[in-house]
N, C-alpha and C. Protein backbone atom coordinates (compact mmCIF):
# COMPACT_ATOMS: atom_id res chain seq x y z
N MET A 1 -5.75 -66.74 -16.60
CA MET A 1 -4.17 -67.70 -17.26
C MET A 1 -4.31 -69.31 -16.80
N GLY A 2 -4.09 -69.34 -18.06
CA GLY A 2 -4.29 -71.47 -18.51
C GLY A 2 -3.13 -72.05 -18.00
N ALA A 3 -3.26 -73.04 -17.72
CA ALA A 3 -2.63 -74.30 -17.16
C ALA A 3 -1.13 -74.73 -18.17
N LYS A 4 0.29 -74.50 -17.62
CA LYS A 4 0.91 -74.87 -19.29
C LYS A 4 1.86 -76.21 -18.93
N PHE A 5 1.89 -76.95 -20.31
CA PHE A 5 2.45 -77.80 -20.93
C PHE A 5 3.68 -78.34 -21.68
N HIS A 6 4.59 -78.50 -21.18
CA HIS A 6 5.89 -78.92 -21.96
C HIS A 6 5.17 -80.77 -22.35
N THR A 7 5.27 -80.01 -24.58
CA THR A 7 4.44 -81.42 -25.04
C THR A 7 6.08 -82.19 -26.03
N SER A 8 6.15 -82.91 -26.25
CA SER A 8 7.10 -83.69 -27.09
C SER A 8 6.15 -84.64 -28.17
N PHE A 9 5.86 -84.37 -29.58
CA PHE A 9 5.18 -85.02 -30.43
C PHE A 9 5.58 -85.89 -31.46
N LEU A 10 4.85 -86.46 -32.00
CA LEU A 10 5.12 -86.96 -33.90
C LEU A 10 4.28 -86.40 -34.79
N VAL A 11 4.48 -85.68 -35.79
CA VAL A 11 3.69 -85.12 -36.50
C VAL A 11 3.70 -86.18 -38.09
N GLN A 12 2.93 -86.84 -38.30
CA GLN A 12 2.70 -87.42 -39.80
C GLN A 12 2.40 -86.52 -40.88
N ASP A 13 3.72 -86.34 -41.80
CA ASP A 13 3.41 -85.72 -43.25
C ASP A 13 2.44 -86.65 -43.88
N THR A 14 1.39 -85.70 -44.22
CA THR A 14 0.25 -86.37 -44.68
C THR A 14 0.21 -87.21 -46.14
N GLY A 15 0.13 -88.47 -46.36
CA GLY A 15 0.65 -88.49 -48.20
C GLY A 15 2.07 -89.48 -47.91
N THR A 16 3.21 -89.09 -46.88
CA THR A 16 4.24 -90.11 -46.76
C THR A 16 4.94 -90.29 -45.50
N SER A 17 5.88 -90.89 -45.51
CA SER A 17 6.56 -91.91 -44.57
C SER A 17 7.40 -90.90 -43.93
N LEU A 18 7.49 -89.79 -43.70
CA LEU A 18 7.60 -88.69 -42.62
C LEU A 18 7.42 -88.41 -41.61
N CYS A 19 7.63 -88.05 -40.84
CA CYS A 19 7.44 -87.80 -39.54
C CYS A 19 8.51 -86.58 -38.91
N ARG A 20 8.33 -86.00 -38.97
CA ARG A 20 8.84 -84.53 -37.53
C ARG A 20 8.39 -84.05 -36.22
N GLU A 21 9.77 -84.42 -35.45
CA GLU A 21 9.16 -83.64 -33.85
C GLU A 21 9.12 -82.84 -33.64
N VAL A 22 8.62 -82.20 -32.51
CA VAL A 22 7.76 -81.02 -32.42
C VAL A 22 8.08 -80.99 -30.44
N ASN A 23 8.75 -80.11 -29.98
CA ASN A 23 8.82 -80.07 -28.52
C ASN A 23 8.71 -78.35 -28.71
N ALA A 24 7.41 -78.57 -27.44
CA ALA A 24 6.93 -77.05 -27.93
C ALA A 24 6.42 -76.64 -26.18
N VAL A 25 5.79 -75.45 -26.05
CA VAL A 25 5.13 -75.19 -24.42
C VAL A 25 3.82 -74.89 -25.23
N VAL A 26 2.73 -75.86 -24.05
CA VAL A 26 1.18 -75.32 -24.61
C VAL A 26 0.49 -74.91 -23.46
N GLU A 27 -0.20 -73.93 -23.72
CA GLU A 27 -0.99 -73.03 -22.73
C GLU A 27 -2.30 -73.65 -22.68
N VAL A 28 -3.37 -73.90 -21.79
CA VAL A 28 -4.05 -74.75 -22.10
C VAL A 28 -5.26 -73.48 -20.88
N SER A 29 -6.37 -73.08 -21.88
CA SER A 29 -7.35 -72.32 -20.32
C SER A 29 -8.51 -73.08 -20.53
N ARG A 30 -8.79 -73.21 -19.61
CA ARG A 30 -9.49 -74.48 -18.90
C ARG A 30 -10.00 -73.82 -17.54
N LEU A 31 -11.39 -74.84 -16.87
CA LEU A 31 -11.50 -74.49 -15.54
C LEU A 31 -10.00 -75.00 -14.75
N PRO A 32 -10.08 -74.01 -13.64
CA PRO A 32 -8.68 -74.00 -12.82
C PRO A 32 -9.08 -75.67 -12.02
N GLY A 33 -7.84 -76.26 -12.17
CA GLY A 33 -8.23 -77.65 -11.38
C GLY A 33 -8.38 -78.85 -12.12
N ALA A 34 -8.39 -78.88 -13.81
CA ALA A 34 -9.30 -79.69 -14.52
C ALA A 34 -8.08 -80.47 -14.78
N MET A 35 -8.54 -81.31 -14.59
CA MET A 35 -7.73 -82.73 -15.35
C MET A 35 -7.29 -82.67 -16.47
N LEU A 36 -6.27 -83.32 -17.32
CA LEU A 36 -6.03 -83.14 -18.48
C LEU A 36 -5.20 -84.62 -18.51
N ASP A 37 -6.01 -85.69 -19.34
CA ASP A 37 -5.14 -87.14 -19.78
C ASP A 37 -4.89 -86.88 -20.89
N GLN A 38 -3.97 -88.33 -21.27
CA GLN A 38 -3.27 -87.96 -22.65
C GLN A 38 -4.10 -87.32 -23.85
N GLU A 39 -5.76 -88.13 -24.00
CA GLU A 39 -6.75 -88.15 -25.26
C GLU A 39 -6.62 -86.72 -24.82
N ASP A 40 -7.63 -85.40 -24.44
CA ASP A 40 -7.43 -84.31 -23.81
C ASP A 40 -5.94 -83.68 -24.81
N ILE A 41 -4.63 -84.00 -24.03
CA ILE A 41 -3.57 -82.90 -25.04
C ILE A 41 -4.02 -83.43 -26.20
N GLU A 42 -3.95 -84.81 -26.81
CA GLU A 42 -4.04 -85.95 -28.05
C GLU A 42 -4.76 -84.36 -28.56
N GLN A 43 -6.30 -84.32 -28.45
CA GLN A 43 -7.20 -83.28 -28.59
C GLN A 43 -7.26 -82.21 -29.06
N ILE A 44 -6.42 -81.55 -27.77
CA ILE A 44 -6.26 -80.15 -27.98
C ILE A 44 -4.80 -79.86 -29.31
N LEU A 45 -4.09 -80.64 -29.48
CA LEU A 45 -3.01 -80.72 -30.13
C LEU A 45 -3.33 -80.85 -31.72
N THR A 46 -4.69 -81.53 -31.96
CA THR A 46 -4.68 -82.05 -33.25
C THR A 46 -5.64 -80.47 -33.41
N ASP A 47 -6.46 -80.50 -32.54
CA ASP A 47 -7.23 -78.83 -33.20
C ASP A 47 -6.51 -77.74 -33.66
N SER A 48 -5.88 -77.80 -32.50
CA SER A 48 -4.36 -76.48 -32.61
C SER A 48 -3.45 -76.14 -34.01
N LEU A 49 -3.51 -77.64 -34.71
CA LEU A 49 -2.53 -78.17 -35.57
C LEU A 49 -3.68 -78.40 -36.65
N GLU A 50 -4.81 -78.48 -36.94
CA GLU A 50 -5.25 -78.50 -37.81
C GLU A 50 -4.98 -79.85 -39.00
N ILE A 51 -4.59 -80.78 -37.64
CA ILE A 51 -4.40 -82.15 -38.38
C ILE A 51 -5.18 -83.76 -37.61
N GLU A 52 -4.81 -84.82 -38.71
CA GLU A 52 -5.44 -85.44 -38.11
C GLU A 52 -5.13 -86.08 -36.93
N ALA A 53 -6.44 -87.20 -36.13
CA ALA A 53 -5.58 -87.42 -34.84
C ALA A 53 -4.60 -88.99 -35.08
N ALA A 54 -4.95 -89.43 -37.00
CA ALA A 54 -4.30 -90.49 -36.73
C ALA A 54 -2.81 -90.11 -37.06
N ASP A 55 -2.51 -88.93 -37.49
CA ASP A 55 -1.17 -88.17 -37.98
C ASP A 55 -0.28 -87.83 -36.54
N LEU A 56 -0.76 -87.99 -35.52
CA LEU A 56 -0.23 -87.01 -34.17
C LEU A 56 0.09 -88.30 -33.76
N ARG A 57 1.37 -88.13 -32.89
CA ARG A 57 1.83 -89.35 -31.76
C ARG A 57 2.11 -88.70 -30.38
N LEU A 58 1.58 -88.76 -29.20
CA LEU A 58 1.91 -87.80 -28.24
C LEU A 58 3.34 -88.87 -27.82
N ILE A 59 4.36 -88.06 -27.35
CA ILE A 59 5.40 -88.35 -26.67
C ILE A 59 5.72 -88.71 -25.19
N HIS A 60 5.15 -87.33 -24.63
CA HIS A 60 5.14 -87.39 -23.42
C HIS A 60 4.89 -85.58 -23.23
N TRP A 61 4.32 -85.54 -22.04
CA TRP A 61 3.65 -84.03 -22.02
C TRP A 61 3.53 -83.91 -20.11
N SER A 62 4.36 -83.04 -19.13
CA SER A 62 4.25 -82.32 -18.08
C SER A 62 3.76 -80.89 -17.65
N ARG A 63 3.54 -80.59 -16.90
CA ARG A 63 2.52 -79.54 -16.49
C ARG A 63 3.74 -78.31 -16.34
N LEU A 64 4.21 -77.62 -16.16
CA LEU A 64 4.97 -76.46 -15.74
C LEU A 64 4.21 -76.17 -14.37
N HIS A 65 5.52 -75.46 -14.00
CA HIS A 65 4.68 -74.90 -12.81
C HIS A 65 5.23 -73.27 -12.69
């Protein structure tokens, strides 16, 4: 079982100035006890959503227990 995180982030719609705010629970399957920093969470989100890193702005994340 992975670690669960509550995340809040903005996604810029490609080619426009519009953004949408997303609040979601993300489950990360990593080695137990692995520490994740902001860059790790951003990379997981951009890979999962198949968007460019420049189109995502992470606002908040916290691990759920």
